[in-house]
Amino acid sequence: MEDIDADKDGFIDLEEFAQLCRSSSASAEELREAFDLYDENKDGRISGSELHQVLNRLGMKCSMEECSRMIKGVDSDGDGCVNFQEFEKMMATANGSAAAN
């Protein structure tokens, strides 16, 4: 987490998270750390509620409905949550988009 947390405040803010997304060299460990920040109850899945709580703490005022839509956009197995494999796929897609720009 220390590599991702550029300002060393103990949190990954939106800018730091976006930098991780743009980094084509993000290691599996860094991805796991980022995932674990959102997976507050440590069940291996990010729910809409967890995403909502974390984004609000980061200063992004998103509604529960918006967070549920974000989860649904990444949730390939239809369980209503994002697991680590879905998170990795999302990050790989984000890296591909950043590389194309």
PDB file of N, CA and C in Angstrom:
ATOM      1  N   MET A   1       0.822  -1.189   0.000  1.00  0.00           N
ATOM      2  CA  MET A   1       0.000   0.000   0.000  1.00  0.00           C
ATOM      3  C   MET A   1       0.865   1.251   0.000  1.00  0.00           C
ATOM      4  N   GLU A   2       2.032   1.189   0.611  1.00  0.00           N
ATOM      5  CA  GLU A   2       2.887   2.369   0.698  1.00  0.00           C
ATOM      6  C   GLU A   2       3.277   2.891  -0.678  1.00  0.00           C
ATOM      7  N   ASP A   3       3.457   1.976  -1.651  1.00  0.00           N
ATOM      8  CA  ASP A   3       3.803   2.402  -3.001  1.00  0.00           C
ATOM      9  C   ASP A   3       2.656   3.148  -3.671  1.00  0.00           C
ATOM     10  N   ILE A   4       1.444   2.795  -3.345  1.00  0.00           N
ATOM     11  CA  ILE A   4       0.264   3.408  -3.954  1.00  0.00           C
ATOM     12  C   ILE A   4      -0.098   4.704  -3.240  1.00  0.00           C
ATOM     13  N   ASP A   5       0.063   4.746  -1.925  1.00  0.00           N
ATOM     14  CA  ASP A   5      -0.318   5.885  -1.081  1.00  0.00           C
ATOM     15  C   ASP A   5       0.759   6.970  -1.160  1.00  0.00           C
ATOM     16  N   ALA A   6       0.748   7.748  -2.250  1.00  0.00           N
ATOM     17  CA  ALA A   6       1.802   8.726  -2.521  1.00  0.00           C
ATOM     18  C   ALA A   6       1.952   9.773  -1.422  1.00  0.00           C
ATOM     19  N   ASP A   7       0.846  10.231  -0.840  1.00  0.00           N
ATOM     20  CA  ASP A   7       0.940  11.266   0.195  1.00  0.00           C
ATOM     21  C   ASP A   7       1.068  10.695   1.605  1.00  0.00           C
ATOM     22  N   LYS A   8       1.154   9.359   1.707  1.00  0.00           N
ATOM     23  CA  LYS A   8       1.412   8.658   2.973  1.00  0.00           C
ATOM     24  C   LYS A   8       0.423   9.009   4.081  1.00  0.00           C
ATOM     25  N   ASP A   9      -0.860   9.211   3.695  1.00  0.00           N
ATOM     26  CA  ASP A   9      -1.870   9.525   4.710  1.00  0.00           C
ATOM     27  C   ASP A   9      -2.605   8.287   5.213  1.00  0.00           C
ATOM     28  N   GLY A  10      -2.194   7.108   4.730  1.00  0.00           N
ATOM     29  CA  GLY A  10      -2.829   5.873   5.168  1.00  0.00           C
ATOM     30  C   GLY A  10      -4.057   5.490   4.367  1.00  0.00           C
ATOM     31  N   PHE A  11      -4.374   6.283   3.353  1.00  0.00           N
ATOM     32  CA  PHE A  11      -5.539   6.025   2.504  1.00  0.00           C
ATOM     33  C   PHE A  11      -5.131   6.158   1.044  1.00  0.00           C
ATOM     34  N   ILE A  12      -5.843   5.465   0.189  1.00  0.00           N
ATOM     35  CA  ILE A  12      -5.649   5.652  -1.244  1.00  0.00           C
ATOM     36  C   ILE A  12      -6.796   6.524  -1.723  1.00  0.00           C
ATOM     37  N   ASP A  13      -6.463   7.758  -2.125  1.00  0.00           N
ATOM     38  CA  ASP A  13      -7.509   8.652  -2.601  1.00  0.00           C
ATOM     39  C   ASP A  13      -7.763   8.401  -4.085  1.00  0.00           C
ATOM     40  N   LEU A  14      -8.721   9.100  -4.638  1.00  0.00           N
ATOM     41  CA  LEU A  14      -9.129   8.860  -6.018  1.00  0.00           C
ATOM     42  C   LEU A  14      -7.970   9.079  -6.989  1.00  0.00           C
ATOM     43  N   GLU A  15      -7.185  10.123  -6.787  1.00  0.00           N
ATOM     44  CA  GLU A  15      -6.053  10.398  -7.675  1.00  0.00           C
ATOM     45  C   GLU A  15      -5.021   9.271  -7.617  1.00  0.00           C
ATOM     46  N   GLU A  16      -4.725   8.785  -6.425  1.00  0.00           N
ATOM     47  CA  GLU A  16      -3.772   7.683  -6.272  1.00  0.00           C
ATOM     48  C   GLU A  16      -4.320   6.404  -6.899  1.00  0.00           C
ATOM     49  N   PHE A  17      -5.619   6.168  -6.752  1.00  0.00           N
ATOM     50  CA  PHE A  17      -6.238   4.990  -7.347  1.00  0.00           C
ATOM     51  C   PHE A  17      -6.197   5.087  -8.867  1.00  0.00           C
ATOM     52  N   ALA A  18      -6.479   6.283  -9.405  1.00  0.00           N
ATOM     53  CA  ALA A  18      -6.428   6.481 -10.855  1.00  0.00           C
ATOM     54  C   ALA A  18      -5.016   6.257 -11.375  1.00  0.00           C
ATOM     55  N   GLN A  19      -4.015   6.692 -10.621  1.00  0.00           N
ATOM     56  CA  GLN A  19      -2.625   6.463 -11.021  1.00  0.00           C
ATOM     57  C   GLN A  19      -2.331   4.972 -11.073  1.00  0.00           C
ATOM     58  N   LEU A  20      -2.833   4.231 -10.112  1.00  0.00           N
ATOM     59  CA  LEU A  20      -2.664   2.781 -10.127  1.00  0.00           C
ATOM     60  C   LEU A  20      -3.307   2.194 -11.377  1.00  0.00           C
ATOM     61  N   CYS A  21      -4.484   2.672 -11.727  1.00  0.00           N
ATOM     62  CA  CYS A  21      -5.183   2.182 -12.922  1.00  0.00           C
ATOM     63  C   CYS A  21      -4.376   2.462 -14.184  1.00  0.00           C
ATOM     64  N   ARG A  22      -3.723   3.612 -14.235  1.00  0.00           N
ATOM     65  CA  ARG A  22      -2.949   3.981 -15.418  1.00  0.00           C
ATOM     66  C   ARG A  22      -1.618   3.256 -15.497  1.00  0.00           C
ATOM     67  N   SER A  23      -1.158   2.749 -14.398  1.00  0.00           N
ATOM     68  CA  SER A  23       0.147   2.105 -14.354  1.00  0.00           C
ATOM     69  C   SER A  23       0.076   0.717 -14.976  1.00  0.00           C
ATOM     70  N   SER A  24       0.768   0.536 -16.074  1.00  0.00           N
ATOM     71  CA  SER A  24       0.757  -0.779 -16.726  1.00  0.00           C
ATOM     72  C   SER A  24       1.614  -1.772 -15.966  1.00  0.00           C
ATOM     73  N   SER A  25       2.382  -1.288 -15.007  1.00  0.00           N
ATOM     74  CA  SER A  25       3.259  -2.185 -14.254  1.00  0.00           C
ATOM     75  C   SER A  25       2.717  -2.483 -12.854  1.00  0.00           C
ATOM     76  N   ALA A  26       1.438  -2.255 -12.643  1.00  0.00           N
ATOM     77  CA  ALA A  26       0.848  -2.547 -11.332  1.00  0.00           C
ATOM     78  C   ALA A  26       0.995  -4.035 -11.049  1.00  0.00           C
ATOM     79  N   SER A  27       1.619  -4.341  -9.940  1.00  0.00           N
ATOM     80  CA  SER A  27       1.856  -5.739  -9.586  1.00  0.00           C
ATOM     81  C   SER A  27       0.586  -6.367  -9.028  1.00  0.00           C
ATOM     82  N   ALA A  28       0.583  -7.677  -8.996  1.00  0.00           N
ATOM     83  CA  ALA A  28      -0.546  -8.402  -8.411  1.00  0.00           C
ATOM     84  C   ALA A  28      -0.733  -7.997  -6.953  1.00  0.00           C
ATOM     85  N   GLU A  29       0.370  -7.765  -6.257  1.00  0.00           N
ATOM     86  CA  GLU A  29       0.288  -7.361  -4.846  1.00  0.00           C
ATOM     87  C   GLU A  29      -0.375  -5.989  -4.705  1.00  0.00           C
ATOM     88  N   GLU A  30      -0.024  -5.054  -5.584  1.00  0.00           N
ATOM     89  CA  GLU A  30      -0.635  -3.724  -5.534  1.00  0.00           C
ATOM     90  C   GLU A  30      -2.128  -3.795  -5.851  1.00  0.00           C
ATOM     91  N   LEU A  31      -2.488  -4.639  -6.808  1.00  0.00           N
ATOM     92  CA  LEU A  31      -3.907  -4.809  -7.128  1.00  0.00           C
ATOM     93  C   LEU A  31      -4.660  -5.397  -5.942  1.00  0.00           C
ATOM     94  N   ARG A  32      -4.043  -6.369  -5.291  1.00  0.00           N
ATOM     95  CA  ARG A  32      -4.678  -6.996  -4.122  1.00  0.00           C
ATOM     96  C   ARG A  32      -4.873  -5.965  -3.015  1.00  0.00           C
ATOM     97  N   GLU A  33      -3.869  -5.114  -2.789  1.00  0.00           N
ATOM     98  CA  GLU A  33      -3.982  -4.087  -1.751  1.00  0.00           C
ATOM     99  C   GLU A  33      -5.108  -3.108  -2.069  1.00  0.00           C
ATOM    100  N   ALA A  34      -5.205  -2.707  -3.332  1.00  0.00           N
ATOM    101  CA  ALA A  34      -6.272  -1.790  -3.734  1.00  0.00           C
ATOM    102  C   ALA A  34      -7.634  -2.454  -3.542  1.00  0.00           C
ATOM    103  N   PHE A  35      -7.748  -3.718  -3.963  1.00  0.00           N
ATOM    104  CA  PHE A  35      -9.003  -4.463  -3.795  1.00  0.00           C
ATOM    105  C   PHE A  35      -9.374  -4.550  -2.316  1.00  0.00           C
ATOM    106  N   ASP A  36      -8.393  -4.880  -1.486  1.00  0.00           N
ATOM    107  CA  ASP A  36      -8.646  -5.057  -0.053  1.00  0.00           C
ATOM    108  C   ASP A  36      -9.134  -3.776   0.621  1.00  0.00           C
ATOM    109  N   LEU A  37      -8.741  -2.618   0.090  1.00  0.00           N
ATOM    110  CA  LEU A  37      -9.221  -1.357   0.659  1.00  0.00           C
ATOM    111  C   LEU A  37     -10.732  -1.213   0.488  1.00  0.00           C
ATOM    112  N   TYR A  38     -11.249  -1.693  -0.614  1.00  0.00           N
ATOM    113  CA  TYR A  38     -12.684  -1.611  -0.874  1.00  0.00           C
ATOM    114  C   TYR A  38     -13.453  -2.737  -0.204  1.00  0.00           C
ATOM    115  N   ASP A  39     -12.809  -3.894  -0.042  1.00  0.00           N
ATOM    116  CA  ASP A  39     -13.452  -5.067   0.565  1.00  0.00           C
ATOM    117  C   ASP A  39     -13.384  -4.939   2.084  1.00  0.00           C
ATOM    118  N   GLU A  40     -14.222  -4.077   2.631  1.00  0.00           N
ATOM    119  CA  GLU A  40     -14.137  -3.735   4.049  1.00  0.00           C
ATOM    120  C   GLU A  40     -14.420  -4.901   4.985  1.00  0.00           C
ATOM    121  N   ASN A  41     -15.327  -5.800   4.624  1.00  0.00           N
ATOM    122  CA  ASN A  41     -15.637  -6.918   5.522  1.00  0.00           C
ATOM    123  C   ASN A  41     -14.780  -8.151   5.236  1.00  0.00           C
ATOM    124  N   LYS A  42     -13.868  -8.020   4.285  1.00  0.00           N
ATOM    125  CA  LYS A  42     -12.862  -9.059   3.972  1.00  0.00           C
ATOM    126  C   LYS A  42     -13.492 -10.394   3.589  1.00  0.00           C
ATOM    127  N   ASP A  43     -14.608 -10.322   2.832  1.00  0.00           N
ATOM    128  CA  ASP A  43     -15.239 -11.560   2.370  1.00  0.00           C
ATOM    129  C   ASP A  43     -14.828 -11.932   0.947  1.00  0.00           C
ATOM    130  N   GLY A  44     -13.892 -11.163   0.371  1.00  0.00           N
ATOM    131  CA  GLY A  44     -13.414 -11.468  -0.974  1.00  0.00           C
ATOM    132  C   GLY A  44     -14.271 -10.884  -2.079  1.00  0.00           C
ATOM    133  N   ARG A  45     -15.202 -10.010  -1.698  1.00  0.00           N
ATOM    134  CA  ARG A  45     -16.097  -9.391  -2.674  1.00  0.00           C
ATOM    135  C   ARG A  45     -16.345  -7.938  -2.283  1.00  0.00           C
ATOM    136  N   ILE A  46     -16.459  -7.075  -3.285  1.00  0.00           N
ATOM    137  CA  ILE A  46     -16.794  -5.672  -3.042  1.00  0.00           C
ATOM    138  C   ILE A  46     -18.269  -5.495  -3.377  1.00  0.00           C
ATOM    139  N   SER A  47     -19.043  -5.121  -2.382  1.00  0.00           N
ATOM    140  CA  SER A  47     -20.480  -4.895  -2.578  1.00  0.00           C
ATOM    141  C   SER A  47     -20.723  -3.428  -2.925  1.00  0.00           C
ATOM    142  N   GLY A  48     -21.920  -3.141  -3.378  1.00  0.00           N
ATOM    143  CA  GLY A  48     -22.299  -1.758  -3.641  1.00  0.00           C
ATOM    144  C   GLY A  48     -22.203  -0.908  -2.389  1.00  0.00           C
ATOM    145  N   SER A  49     -22.563  -1.487  -1.259  1.00  0.00           N
ATOM    146  CA  SER A  49     -22.501  -0.776   0.016  1.00  0.00           C
ATOM    147  C   SER A  49     -21.059  -0.434   0.393  1.00  0.00           C
ATOM    148  N   GLU A  50     -20.154  -1.391   0.212  1.00  0.00           N
ATOM    149  CA  GLU A  50     -18.741  -1.138   0.521  1.00  0.00           C
ATOM    150  C   GLU A  50     -18.177  -0.060  -0.399  1.00  0.00           C
ATOM    151  N   LEU A  51     -18.490  -0.149  -1.694  1.00  0.00           N
ATOM    152  CA  LEU A  51     -18.030   0.861  -2.643  1.00  0.00           C
ATOM    153  C   LEU A  51     -18.568   2.228  -2.250  1.00  0.00           C
ATOM    154  N   HIS A  52     -19.834   2.287  -1.888  1.00  0.00           N
ATOM    155  CA  HIS A  52     -20.472   3.536  -1.477  1.00  0.00           C
ATOM    156  C   HIS A  52     -19.755   4.148  -0.277  1.00  0.00           C
ATOM    157  N   GLN A  53     -19.475   3.337   0.732  1.00  0.00           N
ATOM    158  CA  GLN A  53     -18.802   3.828   1.939  1.00  0.00           C
ATOM    159  C   GLN A  53     -17.411   4.366   1.624  1.00  0.00           C
ATOM    160  N   VAL A  54     -16.639   3.617   0.844  1.00  0.00           N
ATOM    161  CA  VAL A  54     -15.263   4.028   0.543  1.00  0.00           C
ATOM    162  C   VAL A  54     -15.254   5.291  -0.311  1.00  0.00           C
ATOM    163  N   LEU A  55     -16.070   5.343  -1.347  1.00  0.00           N
ATOM    164  CA  LEU A  55     -16.087   6.524  -2.212  1.00  0.00           C
ATOM    165  C   LEU A  55     -16.523   7.763  -1.444  1.00  0.00           C
ATOM    166  N   ASN A  56     -17.485   7.620  -0.555  1.00  0.00           N
ATOM    167  CA  ASN A  56     -17.899   8.767   0.257  1.00  0.00           C
ATOM    168  C   ASN A  56     -16.780   9.221   1.185  1.00  0.00           C
ATOM    169  N   ARG A  57     -16.025   8.271   1.732  1.00  0.00           N
ATOM    170  CA  ARG A  57     -14.876   8.635   2.573  1.00  0.00           C
ATOM    171  C   ARG A  57     -13.810   9.366   1.769  1.00  0.00           C
ATOM    172  N   LEU A  58     -13.719   9.043   0.474  1.00  0.00           N
ATOM    173  CA  LEU A  58     -12.744   9.694  -0.400  1.00  0.00           C
ATOM    174  C   LEU A  58     -13.243  11.048  -0.905  1.00  0.00           C
ATOM    175  N   GLY A  59     -14.456  11.425  -0.482  1.00  0.00           N
ATOM    176  CA  GLY A  59     -14.995  12.720  -0.865  1.00  0.00           C
ATOM    177  C   GLY A  59     -15.850  12.690  -2.115  1.00  0.00           C
ATOM    178  N   MET A  60     -16.068  11.512  -2.677  1.00  0.00           N
ATOM    179  CA  MET A  60     -16.926  11.387  -3.853  1.00  0.00           C
ATOM    180  C   MET A  60     -18.340  11.110  -3.371  1.00  0.00           C
ATOM    181  N   LYS A  61     -19.228  12.017  -3.620  1.00  0.00           N
ATOM    182  CA  LYS A  61     -20.611  11.861  -3.171  1.00  0.00           C
ATOM    183  C   LYS A  61     -21.401  11.099  -4.228  1.00  0.00           C
ATOM    184  N   CYS A  62     -21.403   9.800  -4.095  1.00  0.00           N
ATOM    185  CA  CYS A  62     -22.136   8.922  -5.005  1.00  0.00           C
ATOM    186  C   CYS A  62     -23.323   8.332  -4.261  1.00  0.00           C
ATOM    187  N   SER A  63     -24.422   8.207  -4.966  1.00  0.00           N
ATOM    188  CA  SER A  63     -25.590   7.575  -4.350  1.00  0.00           C
ATOM    189  C   SER A  63     -25.394   6.065  -4.329  1.00  0.00           C
ATOM    190  N   MET A  64     -26.166   5.395  -3.513  1.00  0.00           N
ATOM    191  CA  MET A  64     -26.133   3.938  -3.456  1.00  0.00           C
ATOM    192  C   MET A  64     -26.492   3.365  -4.825  1.00  0.00           C
ATOM    193  N   GLU A  65     -27.443   3.998  -5.497  1.00  0.00           N
ATOM    194  CA  GLU A  65     -27.864   3.550  -6.830  1.00  0.00           C
ATOM    195  C   GLU A  65     -26.702   3.635  -7.825  1.00  0.00           C
ATOM    196  N   GLU A  66     -25.945   4.742  -7.781  1.00  0.00           N
ATOM    197  CA  GLU A  66     -24.790   4.889  -8.672  1.00  0.00           C
ATOM    198  C   GLU A  66     -23.746   3.812  -8.385  1.00  0.00           C
ATOM    199  N   CYS A  67     -23.508   3.540  -7.125  1.00  0.00           N
ATOM    200  CA  CYS A  67     -22.532   2.514  -6.749  1.00  0.00           C
ATOM    201  C   CYS A  67     -22.992   1.133  -7.206  1.00  0.00           C
ATOM    202  N   SER A  68     -24.263   0.863  -7.075  1.00  0.00           N
ATOM    203  CA  SER A  68     -24.803  -0.418  -7.539  1.00  0.00           C
ATOM    204  C   SER A  68     -24.637  -0.561  -9.044  1.00  0.00           C
ATOM    205  N   ARG A  69     -24.834   0.540  -9.785  1.00  0.00           N
ATOM    206  CA  ARG A  69     -24.625   0.507 -11.238  1.00  0.00           C
ATOM    207  C   ARG A  69     -23.165   0.242 -11.577  1.00  0.00           C
ATOM    208  N   MET A  70     -22.248   0.866 -10.830  1.00  0.00           N
ATOM    209  CA  MET A  70     -20.816   0.633 -11.066  1.00  0.00           C
ATOM    210  C   MET A  70     -20.471  -0.834 -10.844  1.00  0.00           C
ATOM    211  N   ILE A  71     -20.990  -1.393  -9.759  1.00  0.00           N
ATOM    212  CA  ILE A  71     -20.742  -2.808  -9.455  1.00  0.00           C
ATOM    213  C   ILE A  71     -21.304  -3.678 -10.579  1.00  0.00           C
ATOM    214  N   LYS A  72     -22.520  -3.391 -10.997  1.00  0.00           N
ATOM    215  CA  LYS A  72     -23.168  -4.187 -12.038  1.00  0.00           C
ATOM    216  C   LYS A  72     -22.367  -4.157 -13.339  1.00  0.00           C
ATOM    217  N   GLY A  73     -21.730  -3.039 -13.635  1.00  0.00           N
ATOM    218  CA  GLY A  73     -20.942  -2.913 -14.856  1.00  0.00           C
ATOM    219  C   GLY A  73     -19.704  -3.789 -14.877  1.00  0.00           C
ATOM    220  N   VAL A  74     -19.249  -4.233 -13.723  1.00  0.00           N
ATOM    221  CA  VAL A  74     -18.034  -5.045 -13.609  1.00  0.00           C
ATOM    222  C   VAL A  74     -18.358  -6.486 -13.220  1.00  0.00           C
ATOM    223  N   ASP A  75     -19.521  -6.709 -12.664  1.00  0.00           N
ATOM    224  CA  ASP A  75     -19.930  -8.001 -12.108  1.00  0.00           C
ATOM    225  C   ASP A  75     -20.276  -8.995 -13.217  1.00  0.00           C
ATOM    226  N   SER A  76     -19.290  -9.772 -13.667  1.00  0.00           N
ATOM    227  CA  SER A  76     -19.519 -10.688 -14.792  1.00  0.00           C
ATOM    228  C   SER A  76     -20.228 -11.972 -14.389  1.00  0.00           C
ATOM    229  N   ASP A  77     -20.177 -12.363 -13.105  1.00  0.00           N
ATOM    230  CA  ASP A  77     -20.840 -13.606 -12.705  1.00  0.00           C
ATOM    231  C   ASP A  77     -22.250 -13.381 -12.146  1.00  0.00           C
ATOM    232  N   GLY A  78     -22.675 -12.124 -12.069  1.00  0.00           N
ATOM    233  CA  GLY A  78     -24.047 -11.819 -11.689  1.00  0.00           C
ATOM    234  C   GLY A  78     -24.394 -11.994 -10.224  1.00  0.00           C
ATOM    235  N   ASP A  79     -23.380 -12.031  -9.336  1.00  0.00           N
ATOM    236  CA  ASP A  79     -23.677 -12.226  -7.914  1.00  0.00           C
ATOM    237  C   ASP A  79     -23.928 -10.919  -7.163  1.00  0.00           C
ATOM    238  N   GLY A  80     -23.865  -9.788  -7.864  1.00  0.00           N
ATOM    239  CA  GLY A  80     -24.137  -8.505  -7.233  1.00  0.00           C
ATOM    240  C   GLY A  80     -22.941  -7.871  -6.554  1.00  0.00           C
ATOM    241  N   CYS A  81     -21.773  -8.510  -6.671  1.00  0.00           N
ATOM    242  CA  CYS A  81     -20.541  -8.004  -6.068  1.00  0.00           C
ATOM    243  C   CYS A  81     -19.397  -8.146  -7.068  1.00  0.00           C
ATOM    244  N   VAL A  82     -18.272  -7.524  -6.752  1.00  0.00           N
ATOM    245  CA  VAL A  82     -17.072  -7.650  -7.575  1.00  0.00           C
ATOM    246  C   VAL A  82     -16.057  -8.476  -6.807  1.00  0.00           C
ATOM    247  N   ASN A  83     -15.675  -9.620  -7.378  1.00  0.00           N
ATOM    248  CA  ASN A  83     -14.624 -10.428  -6.754  1.00  0.00           C
ATOM    249  C   ASN A  83     -13.266  -9.999  -7.308  1.00  0.00           C
ATOM    250  N   PHE A  84     -12.198 -10.591  -6.805  1.00  0.00           N
ATOM    251  CA  PHE A  84     -10.867 -10.141  -7.203  1.00  0.00           C
ATOM    252  C   PHE A  84     -10.614 -10.357  -8.695  1.00  0.00           C
ATOM    253  N   GLN A  85     -11.095 -11.454  -9.258  1.00  0.00           N
ATOM    254  CA  GLN A  85     -10.892 -11.710 -10.682  1.00  0.00           C
ATOM    255  C   GLN A  85     -11.593 -10.647 -11.536  1.00  0.00           C
ATOM    256  N   GLU A  86     -12.784 -10.258 -11.144  1.00  0.00           N
ATOM    257  CA  GLU A  86     -13.500  -9.204 -11.867  1.00  0.00           C
ATOM    258  C   GLU A  86     -12.775  -7.869 -11.712  1.00  0.00           C
ATOM    259  N   PHE A  87     -12.232  -7.625 -10.530  1.00  0.00           N
ATOM    260  CA  PHE A  87     -11.471  -6.406 -10.268  1.00  0.00           C
ATOM    261  C   PHE A  87     -10.221  -6.369 -11.145  1.00  0.00           C
ATOM    262  N   GLU A  88      -9.509  -7.499 -11.231  1.00  0.00           N
ATOM    263  CA  GLU A  88      -8.318  -7.578 -12.087  1.00  0.00           C
ATOM    264  C   GLU A  88      -8.670  -7.291 -13.543  1.00  0.00           C
ATOM    265  N   LYS A  89      -9.764  -7.863 -14.004  1.00  0.00           N
ATOM    266  CA  LYS A  89     -10.198  -7.662 -15.388  1.00  0.00           C
ATOM    267  C   LYS A  89     -10.515  -6.192 -15.634  1.00  0.00           C
ATOM    268  N   MET A  90     -11.212  -5.559 -14.681  1.00  0.00           N
ATOM    269  CA  MET A  90     -11.534  -4.145 -14.792  1.00  0.00           C
ATOM    270  C   MET A  90     -10.256  -3.316 -14.870  1.00  0.00           C
ATOM    271  N   MET A  91      -9.285  -3.642 -14.020  1.00  0.00           N
ATOM    272  CA  MET A  91      -8.029  -2.900 -13.999  1.00  0.00           C
ATOM    273  C   MET A  91      -7.259  -3.099 -15.301  1.00  0.00           C
ATOM    274  N   ALA A  92      -7.262  -4.306 -15.839  1.00  0.00           N
ATOM    275  CA  ALA A  92      -6.576  -4.571 -17.107  1.00  0.00           C
ATOM    276  C   ALA A  92      -7.224  -3.766 -18.229  1.00  0.00           C
ATOM    277  N   THR A  93      -8.545  -3.670 -18.211  1.00  0.00           N
ATOM    278  CA  THR A  93      -9.265  -2.878 -19.207  1.00  0.00           C
ATOM    279  C   THR A  93      -8.915  -1.404 -19.054  1.00  0.00           C
ATOM    280  N   ALA A  94      -8.853  -0.927 -17.815  1.00  0.00           N
ATOM    281  CA  ALA A  94      -8.488   0.471 -17.557  1.00  0.00           C
ATOM    282  C   ALA A  94      -7.071   0.737 -18.031  1.00  0.00           C
ATOM    283  N   ASN A  95      -6.151  -0.202 -17.803  1.00  0.00           N
ATOM    284  CA  ASN A  95      -4.773  -0.039 -18.255  1.00  0.00           C
ATOM    285  C   ASN A  95      -4.702   0.002 -19.767  1.00  0.00           C
ATOM    286  N   GLY A  96      -5.484  -0.831 -20.442  1.00  0.00           N
ATOM    287  CA  GLY A  96      -5.514  -0.834 -21.896  1.00  0.00           C
ATOM    288  C   GLY A  96      -6.032   0.476 -22.449  1.00  0.00           C
ATOM    289  N   SER A  97      -7.049   1.037 -21.811  1.00  0.00           N
ATOM    290  CA  SER A  97      -7.602   2.319 -22.236  1.00  0.00           C
ATOM    291  C   SER A  97      -6.593   3.433 -22.031  1.00  0.00           C
ATOM    292  N   ALA A  98      -5.872   3.394 -20.911  1.00  0.00           N
ATOM    293  CA  ALA A  98      -4.870   4.424 -20.628  1.00  0.00           C
ATOM    294  C   ALA A  98      -3.720   4.327 -21.616  1.00  0.00           C
ATOM    295  N   ALA A  99      -3.324   3.105 -21.985  1.00  0.00           N
ATOM    296  CA  ALA A  99      -2.222   2.923 -22.924  1.00  0.00           C
ATOM    297  C   ALA A  99      -2.606   3.419 -24.311  1.00  0.00           C
ATOM    298  N   ALA A 100      -3.890   3.320 -24.658  1.00  0.00           N
ATOM    299  CA  ALA A 100      -4.351   3.757 -25.971  1.00  0.00           C
ATOM    300  C   ALA A 100      -4.395   5.273 -26.075  1.00  0.00           C
ATOM    301  N   ASN A 101      -4.468   5.978 -24.940  1.00  0.00           N
ATOM    302  CA  ASN A 101      -4.544   7.447 -24.942  1.00  0.00           C
ATOM    303  C   ASN A 101      -3.208   8.089 -25.046  1.00  0.00           C
TER     304      ASN A 101
END
